[in-house]
Protein backbone atom coordinates (compact mmCIF):
# COMPACT_ATOMS: atom_id res chain seq x y z
CA UNK A 1 -149.39 -40.87 -14.06
CA UNK A 2 -149.98 -41.71 -10.42
CA UNK A 3 -150.71 -45.29 -9.52
CA UNK A 4 -154.21 -46.12 -8.35
CA UNK A 5 -154.85 -47.47 -4.86
CA UNK A 6 -157.48 -49.41 -3.02
CA UNK A 7 -159.68 -47.84 -0.39
CA UNK A 8 -159.17 -48.40 3.31
CA UNK A 9 -156.97 -51.20 4.57
CA UNK A 10 -154.39 -49.78 6.93
CA UNK A 11 -156.10 -46.44 6.33
CA UNK A 12 -158.69 -47.28 8.98
CA UNK A 13 -155.88 -47.45 11.55
CA UNK A 14 -154.92 -43.96 10.39
CA UNK A 15 -158.56 -42.85 10.78
CA UNK A 16 -158.69 -44.02 14.39
CA UNK A 17 -155.33 -42.37 15.10
CA UNK A 18 -156.38 -39.02 13.62
CA UNK A 19 -159.69 -39.24 15.52
CA UNK A 20 -157.85 -39.35 18.85
CA UNK A 21 -155.52 -36.56 17.78
CA UNK A 22 -158.56 -34.35 17.14
CA UNK A 23 -160.10 -35.38 20.47
CA UNK A 24 -157.05 -34.10 22.36
CA UNK A 25 -156.33 -31.04 20.21
CA UNK A 26 -159.85 -29.63 20.11
CA UNK A 27 -160.36 -30.60 23.74
CA UNK A 28 -157.37 -28.40 24.58
CA UNK A 29 -158.84 -25.56 22.52
CA UNK A 30 -162.07 -25.97 24.46
CA UNK A 31 -160.39 -25.21 27.81
CA UNK A 32 -158.95 -21.84 26.77
CA UNK A 33 -161.88 -19.96 28.29
CA UNK A 34 -161.37 -21.75 31.62
CA UNK A 35 -157.64 -20.93 31.49
CA UNK A 36 -158.45 -17.28 30.76
CA UNK A 37 -160.88 -17.13 33.68
CA UNK A 38 -158.40 -18.64 36.14
CA UNK A 39 -155.50 -16.45 35.01
CA UNK A 40 -157.60 -13.29 35.28
CA UNK A 41 -158.43 -14.27 38.88
CA UNK A 42 -154.88 -15.28 39.82
CA UNK A 43 -152.82 -12.56 38.12
CA UNK A 44 -152.94 -8.81 37.77
CA UNK A 45 -153.26 -9.01 33.97
CA UNK A 46 -156.57 -8.28 32.30
CA UNK A 47 -158.34 -10.24 29.59
CA UNK A 48 -157.05 -7.92 26.85
CA UNK A 49 -153.62 -9.50 27.38
CA UNK A 50 -154.55 -12.99 28.58
CA UNK A 51 -157.04 -13.39 25.74
CA UNK A 52 -154.13 -13.67 23.30
CA UNK A 53 -153.57 -17.22 24.58
CA UNK A 54 -156.83 -18.46 23.06
CA UNK A 55 -156.59 -16.14 20.05
CA UNK A 56 -153.16 -17.43 19.07
CA UNK A 57 -153.96 -21.07 19.84
CA UNK A 58 -157.09 -21.07 17.67
CA UNK A 59 -155.86 -18.53 15.11
CA UNK A 60 -152.51 -20.16 14.38
CA UNK A 61 -154.29 -23.49 13.95
CA UNK A 62 -155.37 -22.22 10.50
CA UNK A 63 -153.28 -19.08 9.94
CA UNK A 64 -150.07 -21.08 9.52
CA UNK A 65 -151.64 -23.50 7.01
CA UNK A 66 -149.71 -22.13 3.97
CA UNK A 67 -146.37 -22.60 5.73
CA UNK A 68 -147.31 -26.10 6.88
CA UNK A 69 -148.41 -26.94 3.34
CA UNK A 70 -144.91 -26.12 2.09
CA UNK A 71 -143.33 -28.16 4.88
CA UNK A 72 -145.36 -31.23 3.89
CA UNK A 73 -143.59 -31.13 0.52
CA UNK A 74 -140.18 -31.12 2.17
CA UNK A 75 -140.54 -33.38 5.22
CA UNK A 76 -142.34 -36.65 5.96
CA UNK A 77 -145.90 -35.95 7.11
CA UNK A 78 -145.55 -38.44 9.96
CA UNK A 79 -142.46 -36.57 11.22
CA UNK A 80 -144.38 -33.29 11.06
CA UNK A 81 -147.26 -34.76 13.08
CA UNK A 82 -144.79 -35.98 15.71
CA UNK A 83 -143.06 -32.58 15.86
CA UNK A 84 -146.42 -30.79 16.11
CA UNK A 85 -147.54 -32.87 19.06
CA UNK A 86 -144.17 -32.47 20.76
CA UNK A 87 -144.59 -28.69 20.45
CA UNK A 88 -148.00 -28.89 22.15
CA UNK A 89 -146.59 -31.00 24.98
CA UNK A 90 -143.59 -28.68 25.32
CA UNK A 91 -145.89 -25.64 25.46
CA UNK A 92 -147.86 -26.99 28.42
CA UNK A 93 -144.70 -28.28 30.12
CA UNK A 94 -143.06 -24.84 29.99
CA UNK A 95 -146.31 -23.16 31.06
CA UNK A 96 -146.31 -25.22 34.25
CA UNK A 97 -143.05 -23.59 35.36
CA UNK A 98 -143.82 -19.93 34.73
CA UNK A 99 -146.24 -17.30 35.93
CA UNK A 100 -145.18 -14.71 33.36
CA UNK A 101 -148.11 -13.80 31.13
CA UNK A 102 -145.95 -13.08 28.02
CA UNK A 103 -144.24 -16.47 28.41
CA UNK A 104 -147.61 -18.17 28.89
CA UNK A 105 -148.84 -16.53 25.69
CA UNK A 106 -145.85 -17.93 23.80
CA UNK A 107 -146.12 -21.39 25.40
CA UNK A 108 -149.89 -21.90 25.31
CA UNK A 109 -150.68 -19.70 22.33
CA UNK A 110 -147.85 -19.83 19.81
CA UNK A 111 -146.31 -23.27 20.47
CA UNK A 112 -149.62 -25.09 20.87
CA UNK A 113 -151.38 -23.25 18.00
CA UNK A 114 -148.61 -23.90 15.49
CA UNK A 115 -148.16 -27.44 16.80
CA UNK A 116 -151.84 -28.21 16.29
CA UNK A 117 -151.79 -26.94 12.72
CA UNK A 118 -148.62 -28.87 11.97
CA UNK A 119 -150.12 -32.10 13.29
CA UNK A 120 -153.68 -31.76 11.95
CA UNK A 121 -152.77 -30.60 8.46
CA UNK A 122 -150.07 -33.25 8.03
CA UNK A 123 -152.28 -36.05 9.36
CA UNK A 124 -154.94 -35.08 6.80
CA UNK A 125 -152.36 -35.45 4.02
CA UNK A 126 -151.53 -38.96 5.28
CA UNK A 127 -155.24 -39.82 5.40
CA UNK A 128 -155.75 -38.72 1.81
CA UNK A 129 -153.20 -41.28 0.69
CA UNK A 130 -155.57 -44.10 1.69
CA UNK A 131 -158.99 -42.85 0.56
CA UNK A 132 -160.72 -41.26 -2.44
CA UNK A 133 -164.40 -42.19 -2.58
CA UNK A 134 -164.52 -42.94 1.14
CA UNK A 135 -162.54 -39.87 2.14
CA UNK A 136 -165.61 -37.88 3.32
CA UNK A 137 -166.61 -40.80 5.57
CA UNK A 138 -163.05 -41.18 6.87
CA UNK A 139 -162.67 -37.45 7.48
CA UNK A 140 -166.12 -37.26 9.08
CA UNK A 141 -165.12 -39.93 11.58
CA UNK A 142 -161.92 -38.02 12.34
CA UNK A 143 -163.72 -34.69 12.75
CA UNK A 144 -166.26 -36.22 15.11
CA UNK A 145 -163.32 -36.28 17.52
CA UNK A 146 -163.64 -32.47 17.71
CA UNK A 147 -166.99 -32.73 19.44
CA UNK A 148 -165.82 -35.55 21.69
CA UNK A 149 -162.88 -33.43 22.80
CA UNK A 150 -165.06 -30.42 23.60
CA UNK A 151 -167.48 -32.63 25.51
CA UNK A 152 -164.85 -34.35 27.64
CA UNK A 153 -162.03 -31.89 28.24
CA UNK A 154 -163.60 -28.83 29.95
CA UNK A 155 -165.07 -30.68 32.96
CA UNK A 156 -161.96 -32.89 33.09
CA UNK A 157 -159.67 -29.84 33.18
CA UNK A 158 -161.80 -28.26 35.93
CA UNK A 159 -161.36 -31.47 37.93
CA UNK A 160 -157.59 -31.46 37.36
CA UNK A 161 -157.39 -27.81 38.37
CA UNK A 162 -159.38 -28.45 41.56
CA UNK A 163 -157.11 -31.35 42.58
CA UNK A 164 -153.67 -30.31 41.32
CA UNK A 165 -153.91 -26.55 40.75
CA UNK A 166 -153.20 -24.74 37.48
CA UNK A 167 -149.55 -25.78 37.21
CA UNK A 168 -150.39 -29.42 37.92
CA UNK A 169 -153.17 -29.31 35.35
CA UNK A 170 -150.73 -27.93 32.78
CA UNK A 171 -148.27 -30.75 33.53
CA UNK A 172 -151.00 -33.35 33.04
CA UNK A 173 -152.09 -31.70 29.78
CA UNK A 174 -148.48 -31.96 28.65
CA UNK A 175 -148.49 -35.67 29.49
CA UNK A 176 -151.82 -36.18 27.70
CA UNK A 177 -150.40 -34.46 24.60
CA UNK A 178 -147.51 -36.93 24.61
CA UNK A 179 -150.06 -39.64 23.89
CA UNK A 180 -150.56 -37.95 20.52
CA UNK A 181 -146.84 -38.37 19.88
CA UNK A 182 -147.20 -42.13 20.40
CA UNK A 183 -150.31 -42.19 18.21
CA UNK A 184 -148.43 -40.29 15.49
CA UNK A 185 -146.12 -43.23 14.88
CA UNK A 186 -149.14 -45.12 13.51
CA UNK A 187 -149.56 -42.57 10.69
CA UNK A 188 -147.61 -44.53 8.10
CA UNK A 189 -147.81 -42.85 4.67
CA UNK A 190 -149.30 -45.04 1.98
CA UNK A 191 -147.21 -46.26 -0.93
CA UNK A 192 -149.49 -44.24 -3.20
CA UNK A 193 -148.78 -41.05 -1.26
CA UNK A 194 -145.01 -41.63 -1.35
CA UNK A 195 -145.11 -42.22 -5.13
CA UNK A 196 -147.22 -39.15 -5.67
CA UNK A 197 -145.08 -36.95 -3.46
CA UNK A 198 -141.91 -37.99 -5.27
CA UNK A 199 -143.46 -37.04 -8.61
CA UNK A 200 -144.74 -33.63 -7.54
CA UNK A 201 -142.93 -30.35 -7.82
CA UNK A 202 -142.21 -28.36 -4.71
CA UNK A 203 -145.05 -25.98 -3.97
CA UNK A 204 -144.59 -22.24 -3.82
CA UNK A 205 -146.59 -19.25 -2.67
CA UNK A 206 -148.02 -18.86 -6.16
CA UNK A 207 -149.19 -22.49 -6.03
CA UNK A 208 -150.94 -21.86 -2.73
CA UNK A 209 -152.52 -18.51 -3.56
CA UNK A 210 -154.11 -17.91 -6.93
CA UNK A 211 -154.75 -14.19 -6.60
CA UNK A 212 -156.91 -14.25 -9.72
CA UNK A 213 -159.59 -15.68 -7.45
CA UNK A 214 -160.06 -12.21 -6.00
CA UNK A 215 -161.47 -11.17 -9.38
CA UNK A 216 -164.54 -13.17 -8.40
CA UNK A 217 -166.64 -10.97 -6.14
CA UNK A 218 -168.61 -14.03 -5.02
CA UNK A 219 -165.43 -15.56 -3.64
CA UNK A 220 -164.37 -12.25 -2.04
CA UNK A 221 -167.76 -11.98 -0.33
CA UNK A 222 -167.57 -15.58 0.87
CA UNK A 223 -164.10 -15.42 2.43
CA UNK A 224 -164.81 -11.97 3.92
CA UNK A 225 -167.91 -13.43 5.53
CA UNK A 226 -165.87 -16.21 7.08
CA UNK A 227 -163.28 -13.78 8.35
CA UNK A 228 -166.10 -12.02 10.20
CA UNK A 229 -167.64 -15.30 11.34
CA UNK A 230 -164.35 -16.39 12.87
CA UNK A 231 -163.95 -13.08 14.68
CA UNK A 232 -166.99 -14.19 16.65
CA UNK A 233 -166.23 -17.91 16.66
CA UNK A 234 -163.62 -17.93 19.45
CA UNK A 235 -165.56 -15.52 21.68
CA UNK A 236 -167.95 -18.05 23.33
CA UNK A 237 -165.02 -20.25 24.38
CA UNK A 238 -163.79 -17.38 26.55
CA UNK A 239 -166.95 -15.55 27.56
CA UNK A 240 -169.26 -18.47 28.37
CA UNK A 241 -167.12 -19.41 31.42
CA UNK A 242 -167.09 -15.72 32.41
CA UNK A 243 -170.87 -15.61 32.03
CA UNK A 244 -171.21 -18.61 34.33
CA UNK A 245 -168.97 -17.03 36.95
CA UNK A 246 -170.85 -13.73 36.86
CA UNK A 247 -174.18 -15.52 37.26
CA UNK A 248 -172.87 -17.44 40.28
CA UNK A 249 -172.71 -20.89 38.67
CA UNK A 250 -170.01 -23.29 39.83
CA UNK A 251 -166.84 -23.74 37.81
CA UNK A 252 -167.90 -27.27 36.85
CA UNK A 253 -171.35 -26.05 35.76
CA UNK A 254 -169.81 -23.28 33.68
CA UNK A 255 -167.48 -25.77 32.01
CA UNK A 256 -170.56 -27.66 30.82
CA UNK A 257 -171.34 -24.73 28.51
CA UNK A 258 -168.24 -25.63 26.47
CA UNK A 259 -169.13 -29.31 26.73
CA UNK A 260 -172.54 -28.45 25.25
CA UNK A 261 -170.86 -26.59 22.39
CA UNK A 262 -168.89 -29.75 21.63
CA UNK A 263 -171.93 -32.02 21.82
CA UNK A 264 -173.86 -29.84 19.39
CA UNK A 265 -170.89 -29.59 17.03
CA UNK A 266 -170.22 -33.33 16.98
CA UNK A 267 -173.83 -34.31 16.27
CA UNK A 268 -174.39 -31.57 13.70
CA UNK A 269 -171.25 -32.32 11.67
CA UNK A 270 -172.33 -35.92 11.11
CA UNK A 271 -176.04 -35.15 10.64
CA UNK A 272 -175.55 -32.26 8.23
CA UNK A 273 -172.91 -34.22 6.31
CA UNK A 274 -175.50 -36.92 5.65
CA UNK A 275 -178.18 -34.33 4.86
CA UNK A 276 -175.87 -32.42 2.51
CA UNK A 277 -175.09 -35.57 0.52
CA UNK A 278 -178.74 -36.73 0.51
CA UNK A 279 -180.32 -33.39 -0.47
CA UNK A 280 -177.69 -31.38 -2.39
CA UNK A 281 -180.24 -29.03 -3.98
CA UNK A 282 -181.18 -27.49 -0.66
CA UNK A 283 -177.63 -27.50 0.71
CA UNK A 284 -177.02 -23.76 0.46
CA UNK A 285 -180.38 -22.82 1.97
CA UNK A 286 -179.76 -25.22 4.85
CA UNK A 287 -176.29 -23.72 5.25
CA UNK A 288 -177.73 -20.21 5.44
CA UNK A 289 -180.19 -21.53 8.01
CA UNK A 290 -177.28 -22.78 10.11
CA UNK A 291 -175.55 -19.38 10.00
CA UNK A 292 -178.88 -17.74 10.89
CA UNK A 293 -179.24 -20.02 13.93
CA UNK A 294 -175.69 -19.15 15.00
CA UNK A 295 -176.66 -15.47 14.78
CA UNK A 296 -179.73 -15.93 16.98
CA UNK A 297 -178.25 -18.37 19.50
CA UNK A 298 -175.99 -15.87 21.26
CA UNK A 299 -178.67 -13.25 21.94
CA UNK A 300 -180.51 -15.16 24.73
CA UNK A 301 -177.16 -15.74 26.45
CA UNK A 302 -176.64 -11.99 26.72
CA UNK A 303 -180.16 -11.34 27.98
CA UNK A 304 -180.76 -14.29 30.32
CA UNK A 305 -179.39 -15.68 33.57
CA UNK A 306 -181.21 -19.02 33.17
CA UNK A 307 -178.76 -21.91 33.29
CA UNK A 308 -180.90 -24.31 31.18
CA UNK A 309 -181.45 -21.63 28.52
CA UNK A 310 -177.73 -20.82 28.26
CA UNK A 311 -177.01 -24.55 28.04
CA UNK A 312 -179.49 -24.98 25.18
CA UNK A 313 -178.09 -21.92 23.38
CA UNK A 314 -174.60 -23.40 23.73
CA UNK A 315 -175.77 -26.61 22.03
CA UNK A 316 -177.39 -24.65 19.17
CA UNK A 317 -174.34 -22.44 18.75
CA UNK A 318 -172.01 -25.46 18.69
CA UNK A 319 -174.19 -27.23 16.12
CA UNK A 320 -174.58 -24.26 13.80
CA UNK A 321 -170.93 -23.17 13.93
CA UNK A 322 -169.80 -26.78 13.37
CA UNK A 323 -171.91 -26.96 10.20
CA UNK A 324 -170.61 -23.60 9.02
CA UNK A 325 -166.97 -24.73 9.10
CA UNK A 326 -167.50 -28.28 7.83
CA UNK A 327 -169.22 -27.32 4.56
CA UNK A 328 -166.66 -24.74 3.36
CA UNK A 329 -164.80 -27.09 0.94
CA UNK A 330 -168.03 -28.31 -0.68
CA UNK A 331 -169.31 -24.77 -1.17
CA UNK A 332 -166.02 -23.61 -2.66
CA UNK A 333 -166.18 -26.45 -5.19
CA UNK A 334 -169.65 -25.32 -6.22
CA UNK A 335 -168.53 -21.71 -6.46
CA UNK A 336 -165.17 -22.02 -8.20
CA UNK A 337 -164.78 -25.57 -9.41
CA UNK A 338 -162.58 -28.40 -8.20
CA UNK A 339 -159.44 -27.16 -9.95
CA UNK A 340 -159.39 -24.00 -7.85
CA UNK A 341 -160.02 -25.71 -4.52
CA UNK A 342 -156.42 -25.87 -3.24
CA UNK A 343 -155.91 -22.13 -3.66
CA UNK A 344 -159.39 -21.13 -2.56
CA UNK A 345 -159.22 -23.33 0.53
CA UNK A 346 -155.79 -21.98 1.49
CA UNK A 347 -157.08 -18.42 1.25
CA UNK A 348 -160.21 -19.32 3.21
CA UNK A 349 -158.08 -20.94 5.94
CA UNK A 350 -155.91 -17.83 6.11
CA UNK A 351 -158.98 -15.62 6.51
CA UNK A 352 -160.33 -17.91 9.24
CA UNK A 353 -157.04 -17.71 11.09
CA UNK A 354 -156.96 -13.92 10.94
CA UNK A 355 -160.51 -13.74 12.25
CA UNK A 356 -159.82 -16.12 15.14
CA UNK A 357 -156.61 -14.25 15.97
CA UNK A 358 -158.21 -10.84 16.41
CA UNK A 359 -161.65 -11.88 17.68
CA UNK A 360 -161.02 -12.05 21.44
CA UNK A 361 -158.88 -8.86 21.66
CA UNK A 362 -161.50 -6.85 19.75
CA UNK A 363 -164.32 -8.25 21.87
CA UNK A 364 -162.48 -7.58 25.12
CA UNK A 365 -161.81 -3.98 24.09
CA UNK A 366 -165.52 -3.46 23.33
CA UNK A 367 -166.62 -5.10 26.60
CA UNK A 368 -164.15 -3.08 28.64
CA UNK A 369 -165.34 0.16 27.01
CA UNK A 370 -168.97 -0.74 27.71
CA UNK A 371 -168.21 -2.12 31.18
CA UNK A 372 -170.34 -5.21 30.54
CA UNK A 373 -169.21 -8.67 29.42
CA UNK A 374 -172.67 -9.45 28.02
CA UNK A 375 -171.78 -7.12 25.14
CA UNK A 376 -169.55 -9.96 23.89
CA UNK A 377 -172.62 -11.99 22.92
CA UNK A 378 -174.33 -9.04 21.23
CA UNK A 379 -171.11 -8.39 19.31
CA UNK A 380 -170.86 -12.04 18.27
CA UNK A 381 -174.46 -12.01 17.05
CA UNK A 382 -173.77 -8.80 15.13
CA UNK A 383 -170.72 -10.07 13.24
CA UNK A 384 -172.52 -13.35 12.54
CA UNK A 385 -175.43 -11.36 11.11
CA UNK A 386 -173.16 -9.39 8.78
CA UNK A 387 -171.47 -12.66 7.76
CA UNK A 388 -174.91 -14.13 7.00
CA UNK A 389 -175.71 -11.27 4.61
CA UNK A 390 -172.36 -11.58 2.84
CA UNK A 391 -172.69 -15.36 2.47
CA UNK A 392 -176.18 -14.97 1.01
CA UNK A 393 -174.85 -12.40 -1.49
CA UNK A 394 -171.99 -14.73 -2.44
CA UNK A 395 -174.53 -17.47 -3.23
CA UNK A 396 -177.14 -15.45 -5.10
CA UNK A 397 -175.39 -12.39 -6.57
CA UNK A 398 -174.71 -13.03 -10.27
CA UNK A 399 -171.03 -13.26 -11.06
CA UNK A 400 -169.67 -10.61 -13.38
CA UNK A 401 -168.14 -11.56 -16.74
CA UNK A 402 -164.67 -12.93 -16.09
CA UNK A 403 -163.90 -13.78 -19.70
CA UNK A 404 -160.75 -11.67 -19.68
CA UNK A 405 -159.25 -13.41 -16.68
CA UNK A 406 -157.76 -16.83 -16.07
CA UNK A 407 -160.48 -17.52 -13.54
CA UNK A 408 -163.07 -17.86 -16.28
CA UNK A 409 -162.22 -21.47 -17.00
CA UNK A 410 -162.86 -22.51 -13.41
CA UNK A 411 -165.39 -20.02 -12.11
CA UNK A 412 -169.04 -20.49 -12.91
CA UNK A 413 -172.12 -18.54 -12.00
CA UNK A 414 -172.94 -20.07 -8.65
CA UNK A 415 -176.28 -21.80 -8.66
CA UNK A 416 -177.43 -22.50 -5.10
CA UNK A 417 -179.61 -25.32 -6.39
CA UNK A 418 -176.90 -27.06 -8.37
CA UNK A 419 -175.93 -30.58 -7.41
CA UNK A 420 -172.58 -29.64 -5.92
CA UNK A 421 -170.44 -32.75 -5.48
CA UNK A 422 -169.52 -33.83 -2.01
CA UNK A 423 -165.97 -33.27 -0.72
CA UNK A 424 -164.75 -36.54 -2.25
CA UNK A 425 -164.25 -34.68 -5.52
CA UNK A 426 -161.45 -32.57 -4.10
CA UNK A 427 -159.26 -35.40 -2.93
CA UNK A 428 -158.61 -36.94 -6.32
CA UNK A 429 -154.97 -37.25 -7.25
CA UNK A 430 -155.09 -34.40 -9.78
CA UNK A 431 -154.69 -31.74 -7.12
CA UNK A 432 -151.37 -30.02 -7.09
CA UNK A 433 -150.10 -29.23 -4.53
CA UNK A 434 -151.88 -31.37 -1.90
CA UNK A 435 -153.50 -28.72 0.18
CA UNK A 436 -156.46 -28.94 2.49
CA UNK A 437 -157.19 -26.66 5.38
CA UNK A 438 -157.39 -28.12 8.85
CA UNK A 439 -160.89 -28.33 10.09
CA UNK A 440 -162.76 -25.92 12.82
CA UNK A 441 -163.70 -27.17 16.43
């Protein structure tokens, strides 16, 4: 039996610390499109190769979640957060001293992507040790750092690049990442978490992935939809700066497209979180509405050269995609039950990582074949549209009889109008192993 604990206390220090970690991490993810644009102009490599920087950075941020989950059972979470942030700083430091594209891919893609997952996942585990009922509020405050990072970092990086050049900007990003190392020392695990960890068995692959979940076609449809959604998710981060350059906007003005994405995401995460808790019976319809808006928001970007219109579309896209990622745990609880959340969330995170990993290379290949970068926004709208259909089917298609499988005890017919509990239900101390997926910027 695990000892109970009080809410908050030192946990609010942890909340503030994790907030700033998300500000810096997601801010760095937000500048990948600017980095791609500058490297395409300054090297002989094309976007098909350079695009792997952003794909790996964003993809590995969720793709490596199962491995990081195992590591959290073996090593102190605070140590893992420190190591993760050191890897990010090391990646930018090494990038400042090379012009080799393969080395840049390893430094900025692999090291930073894995480092971000290591730090974000482990910091979430620390946070869970301090909160149960207030965990959604605590995590919401932390995740609001994602939007702040996307708002602040793109124009700041453009300024650094203009003053110090690309290598100088990389060095300063390395120094900024070191601040996360200092912040990481504040992530002191709670006594409750240490007691719980000492009483838990070591997790294995079978703990992380309950393959019986794939007997539920609703779940298969849902995670397939999010694989497709994440194929398109990383595309605007790269192609919005390219769109601005092609339309003759300044580098600073183009960077504001990513800033707008962050502003929309930050506001929508908080607003929809309140709405979802206040009106649970219309949660799924509102969620489908958000995916629908994401589908529509990229089309005007492809067809227009109006700066205000592209800016507005960027805000809408940021808001709708932020909602889409934030509500995944709550929807999985409604679909499969709380007992299946660790496995279902791990599988969903893996699918998201795969989608983010291959999204930019696929898009670049299509754009190069068509000879038009605007095709990227049509492609994004298309995959979002298919994802919308699959998500709707996963909500409303009756589940087949699973009485012969072990999923039956946890899987219910998904009722879109049911009062699905908010995410606080999945942080209770029953869960074994402690697994949550790192959130989307």
